[in-house]
Every structure is written in structure tokens, then in C-alpha cells.
Amino acid sequence: MFISLYFFFFFEKINSLNKNEKIISSNKIYLADINYFFENFKNINKQNIVFISKTSTNWNTETVEINKNFKFINFFKLISLKYKINNQLGNKEISVYSNKNNEFSINTLYKLVLILAFI
């Protein structure tokens, strides 16, 4: 009971952050602008990480793209977030996959918020 109530409030809070009229369903969240979502976590984003949305068929695989010189690469391994190297990204940029409808995996976003908290 407590856990389901927790997730209800968690989803309600996430839905209030997504700047979109669509709501979370299962493991998907609709975001009009990924930076607007992460702007709500700017107090823990001490390293000023920039998030970029990238359309991909791998959007629900909990995979992101980072530069090989990304300073906090070890945190991805710690929380089991897969990453691909993209040297076109800056050292403080993370590319987050979405589908063509701007749906993001909530698990991926949750793990990225955890990374922000740790760094």
C-alpha cells in the first residue's frame, strides 16, 4: 500500500515537471523539453551538466551518450546506466534517447537524477 501510494505521488510530481499535457504511462514520460525537466533539479546539478534529447529506436534501453572524457563516467557503471561514447558531445553534455513522440524512459531519467545527486 505504502509503495503504491509513493509511486502515485512520484508520478504526479513527475507529471507536473514535464511541461506537456500527456501523462506518464508505464515506464514512459512525455517531455516537451528535456532541459525544462532537469531545470527542476538545478539545485543538485552542481556540475552544470547539459542534457540533450536525441531520437533513437533505443530510447527504452536505459542507454545515454556521453563524451569519452566525461568526468563522472564511473557513476554510470555504479548505477547500471548504459552509455555509448559520442565524441561530438562536450565534456558536460549527456544525450538522452527519446522516441519520435518525445517519450523518455522514466528509469533512465531517474538514474540521471541519481547521478546528479552523487556528483
C-alpha atoms as a PDB file:
ATOM      1  CA  MET A   1       0.000   0.000   0.000  1.00  0.00           C
ATOM      2  CA  PHE A   2       2.718   2.470   1.002  1.00  0.00           C
ATOM      3  CA  ILE A   3       4.771   1.691  -2.090  1.00  0.00           C
ATOM      4  CA  SER A   4       1.864   2.163  -4.491  1.00  0.00           C
ATOM      5  CA  LEU A   5       0.962   5.435  -2.767  1.00  0.00           C
ATOM      6  CA  TYR A   6       4.591   6.538  -3.047  1.00  0.00           C
ATOM      7  CA  PHE A   7       4.626   5.836  -6.787  1.00  0.00           C
ATOM      8  CA  PHE A   8       1.304   7.627  -7.248  1.00  0.00           C
ATOM      9  CA  PHE A   9       2.761  10.800  -5.725  1.00  0.00           C
ATOM     10  CA  PHE A  10       6.031  10.258  -7.581  1.00  0.00           C
ATOM     11  CA  PHE A  11       4.204  10.075 -10.924  1.00  0.00           C
ATOM     12  CA  GLU A  12       2.057  13.070 -10.023  1.00  0.00           C
ATOM     13  CA  LYS A  13       5.190  15.101  -9.285  1.00  0.00           C
ATOM     14  CA  ILE A  14       6.877  13.967 -12.496  1.00  0.00           C
ATOM     15  CA  ASN A  15       3.747  14.824 -14.470  1.00  0.00           C
ATOM     16  CA  SER A  16       3.904  18.339 -13.047  1.00  0.00           C
ATOM     17  CA  LEU A  17       7.501  18.711 -14.286  1.00  0.00           C
ATOM     18  CA  ASN A  18       7.085  17.554 -17.843  1.00  0.00           C
ATOM     19  CA  LYS A  19       5.687  20.742 -19.455  1.00  0.00           C
ATOM     20  CA  ASN A  20       3.362  18.626 -21.547  1.00  0.00           C
ATOM     21  CA  GLU A  21      -0.305  17.696 -21.346  1.00  0.00           C
ATOM     22  CA  LYS A  22       0.375  13.995 -21.776  1.00  0.00           C
ATOM     23  CA  ILE A  23       0.948  11.958 -18.639  1.00  0.00           C
ATOM     24  CA  ILE A  24       3.174   9.090 -17.591  1.00  0.00           C
ATOM     25  CA  SER A  25       2.043   5.659 -18.632  1.00  0.00           C
ATOM     26  CA  SER A  26       4.027   2.633 -17.528  1.00  0.00           C
ATOM     27  CA  ASN A  27       7.730   3.389 -17.953  1.00  0.00           C
ATOM     28  CA  LYS A  28       7.272   6.311 -20.356  1.00  0.00           C
ATOM     29  CA  ILE A  29       7.206  10.016 -19.736  1.00  0.00           C
ATOM     30  CA  TYR A  30       6.357  12.640 -22.318  1.00  0.00           C
ATOM     31  CA  LEU A  31       8.620  15.671 -22.212  1.00  0.00           C
ATOM     32  CA  ALA A  32       8.223  18.699 -24.426  1.00  0.00           C
ATOM     33  CA  ASP A  33      11.703  19.844 -23.394  1.00  0.00           C
ATOM     34  CA  ILE A  34      14.214  17.688 -21.532  1.00  0.00           C
ATOM     35  CA  ASN A  35      16.054  20.750 -20.222  1.00  0.00           C
ATOM     36  CA  TYR A  36      12.845  22.013 -18.612  1.00  0.00           C
ATOM     37  CA  PHE A  37      12.589  18.690 -16.769  1.00  0.00           C
ATOM     38  CA  PHE A  38      16.178  18.875 -15.496  1.00  0.00           C
ATOM     39  CA  GLU A  39      15.833  22.571 -14.661  1.00  0.00           C
ATOM     40  CA  ASN A  40      13.725  21.357 -11.738  1.00  0.00           C
ATOM     41  CA  PHE A  41      16.842  19.620 -10.379  1.00  0.00           C
ATOM     42  CA  LYS A  42      19.247  22.528 -10.835  1.00  0.00           C
ATOM     43  CA  ASN A  43      19.970  22.633  -7.093  1.00  0.00           C
ATOM     44  CA  ILE A  44      21.701  19.230  -7.356  1.00  0.00           C
ATOM     45  CA  ASN A  45      23.207  19.847 -10.807  1.00  0.00           C
ATOM     46  CA  LYS A  46      26.348  21.422  -9.330  1.00  0.00           C
ATOM     47  CA  GLN A  47      28.459  20.447 -12.360  1.00  0.00           C
ATOM     48  CA  ASN A  48      26.089  22.226 -14.795  1.00  0.00           C
ATOM     49  CA  ILE A  49      25.509  19.122 -16.890  1.00  0.00           C
ATOM     50  CA  VAL A  50      23.598  19.888 -20.106  1.00  0.00           C
ATOM     51  CA  PHE A  51      21.023  17.365 -21.310  1.00  0.00           C
ATOM     52  CA  ILE A  52      20.279  16.877 -24.991  1.00  0.00           C
ATOM     53  CA  SER A  53      17.390  14.929 -26.455  1.00  0.00           C
ATOM     54  CA  LYS A  54      18.143  12.515 -29.288  1.00  0.00           C
ATOM     55  CA  THR A  55      15.570  10.458 -31.171  1.00  0.00           C
ATOM     56  CA  SER A  56      16.529   6.786 -31.262  1.00  0.00           C
ATOM     57  CA  THR A  57      14.959   3.360 -31.569  1.00  0.00           C
ATOM     58  CA  ASN A  58      16.953   2.502 -28.417  1.00  0.00           C
ATOM     59  CA  TRP A  59      15.039   5.066 -26.348  1.00  0.00           C
ATOM     60  CA  ASN A  60      13.756   2.494 -23.821  1.00  0.00           C
ATOM     61  CA  THR A  61      17.033   0.614 -23.235  1.00  0.00           C
ATOM     62  CA  GLU A  62      18.361   2.815 -20.408  1.00  0.00           C
ATOM     63  CA  THR A  63      21.248   3.988 -22.575  1.00  0.00           C
ATOM     64  CA  VAL A  64      22.633   7.516 -22.945  1.00  0.00           C
ATOM     65  CA  GLU A  65      25.510   9.053 -24.880  1.00  0.00           C
ATOM     66  CA  ILE A  66      28.468  10.828 -23.306  1.00  0.00           C
ATOM     67  CA  ASN A  67      31.887  12.068 -24.342  1.00  0.00           C
ATOM     68  CA  LYS A  68      34.783   9.709 -23.547  1.00  0.00           C
ATOM     69  CA  ASN A  69      36.231  12.478 -21.347  1.00  0.00           C
ATOM     70  CA  PHE A  70      33.077  12.809 -19.250  1.00  0.00           C
ATOM     71  CA  LYS A  71      34.482  13.273 -15.764  1.00  0.00           C
ATOM     72  CA  PHE A  72      31.939  11.125 -13.914  1.00  0.00           C
ATOM     73  CA  ILE A  73      31.829   8.067 -16.160  1.00  0.00           C
ATOM     74  CA  ASN A  74      32.269   5.704 -13.177  1.00  0.00           C
ATOM     75  CA  PHE A  75      28.874   6.696 -11.778  1.00  0.00           C
ATOM     76  CA  PHE A  76      27.175   5.220 -14.844  1.00  0.00           C
ATOM     77  CA  LYS A  77      28.673   1.843 -14.024  1.00  0.00           C
ATOM     78  CA  LEU A  78      27.736   2.209 -10.355  1.00  0.00           C
ATOM     79  CA  ILE A  79      24.022   2.599 -11.058  1.00  0.00           C
ATOM     80  CA  SER A  80      23.914   0.311 -14.129  1.00  0.00           C
ATOM     81  CA  LEU A  81      23.155   3.002 -16.682  1.00  0.00           C
ATOM     82  CA  LYS A  82      24.490   2.003 -20.087  1.00  0.00           C
ATOM     83  CA  TYR A  83      26.298   4.569 -22.176  1.00  0.00           C
ATOM     84  CA  LYS A  84      27.727   4.972 -25.643  1.00  0.00           C
ATOM     85  CA  ILE A  85      30.673   7.185 -26.447  1.00  0.00           C
ATOM     86  CA  ASN A  86      29.931  10.170 -28.674  1.00  0.00           C
ATOM     87  CA  ASN A  87      32.953  12.434 -29.057  1.00  0.00           C
ATOM     88  CA  GLN A  88      30.833  15.137 -30.681  1.00  0.00           C
ATOM     89  CA  LEU A  89      29.346  15.875 -27.267  1.00  0.00           C
ATOM     90  CA  GLY A  90      31.019  18.256 -24.874  1.00  0.00           C
ATOM     91  CA  ASN A  91      32.570  17.065 -21.611  1.00  0.00           C
ATOM     92  CA  LYS A  92      29.488  18.188 -19.662  1.00  0.00           C
ATOM     93  CA  GLU A  93      26.777  17.008 -22.049  1.00  0.00           C
ATOM     94  CA  ILE A  94      24.590  13.920 -21.849  1.00  0.00           C
ATOM     95  CA  SER A  95      22.445  12.866 -24.783  1.00  0.00           C
ATOM     96  CA  VAL A  96      19.245  11.161 -23.643  1.00  0.00           C
ATOM     97  CA  TYR A  97      17.325   8.984 -26.084  1.00  0.00           C
ATOM     98  CA  SER A  98      13.639   9.508 -26.823  1.00  0.00           C
ATOM     99  CA  ASN A  99      11.287   8.187 -29.448  1.00  0.00           C
ATOM    100  CA  LYS A 100       9.728  10.350 -32.154  1.00  0.00           C
ATOM    101  CA  ASN A 101       6.876  11.299 -29.785  1.00  0.00           C
ATOM    102  CA  ASN A 102       9.262  12.731 -27.160  1.00  0.00           C
ATOM    103  CA  GLU A 103       8.728   9.748 -24.876  1.00  0.00           C
ATOM    104  CA  PHE A 104      11.588   9.061 -22.488  1.00  0.00           C
ATOM    105  CA  SER A 105      12.242   6.085 -20.246  1.00  0.00           C
ATOM    106  CA  ILE A 106      11.469   7.087 -16.681  1.00  0.00           C
ATOM    107  CA  ASN A 107      14.124   4.629 -15.455  1.00  0.00           C
ATOM    108  CA  THR A 108      16.775   6.451 -17.472  1.00  0.00           C
ATOM    109  CA  LEU A 109      15.689   9.851 -16.153  1.00  0.00           C
ATOM    110  CA  TYR A 110      15.598   8.530 -12.594  1.00  0.00           C
ATOM    111  CA  LYS A 111      19.159   7.214 -12.909  1.00  0.00           C
ATOM    112  CA  LEU A 112      20.324  10.534 -14.366  1.00  0.00           C
ATOM    113  CA  VAL A 113      18.846  12.375 -11.383  1.00  0.00           C
ATOM    114  CA  LEU A 114      20.749   9.946  -9.132  1.00  0.00           C
ATOM    115  CA  ILE A 115      23.964  10.772 -10.979  1.00  0.00           C
ATOM    116  CA  LEU A 116      23.317  14.483 -10.435  1.00  0.00           C
ATOM    117  CA  ALA A 117      22.878  13.816  -6.730  1.00  0.00           C
ATOM    118  CA  PHE A 118      26.178  11.908  -6.499  1.00  0.00           C
ATOM    119  CA  ILE A 119      28.375  14.299  -8.452  1.00  0.00           C
END
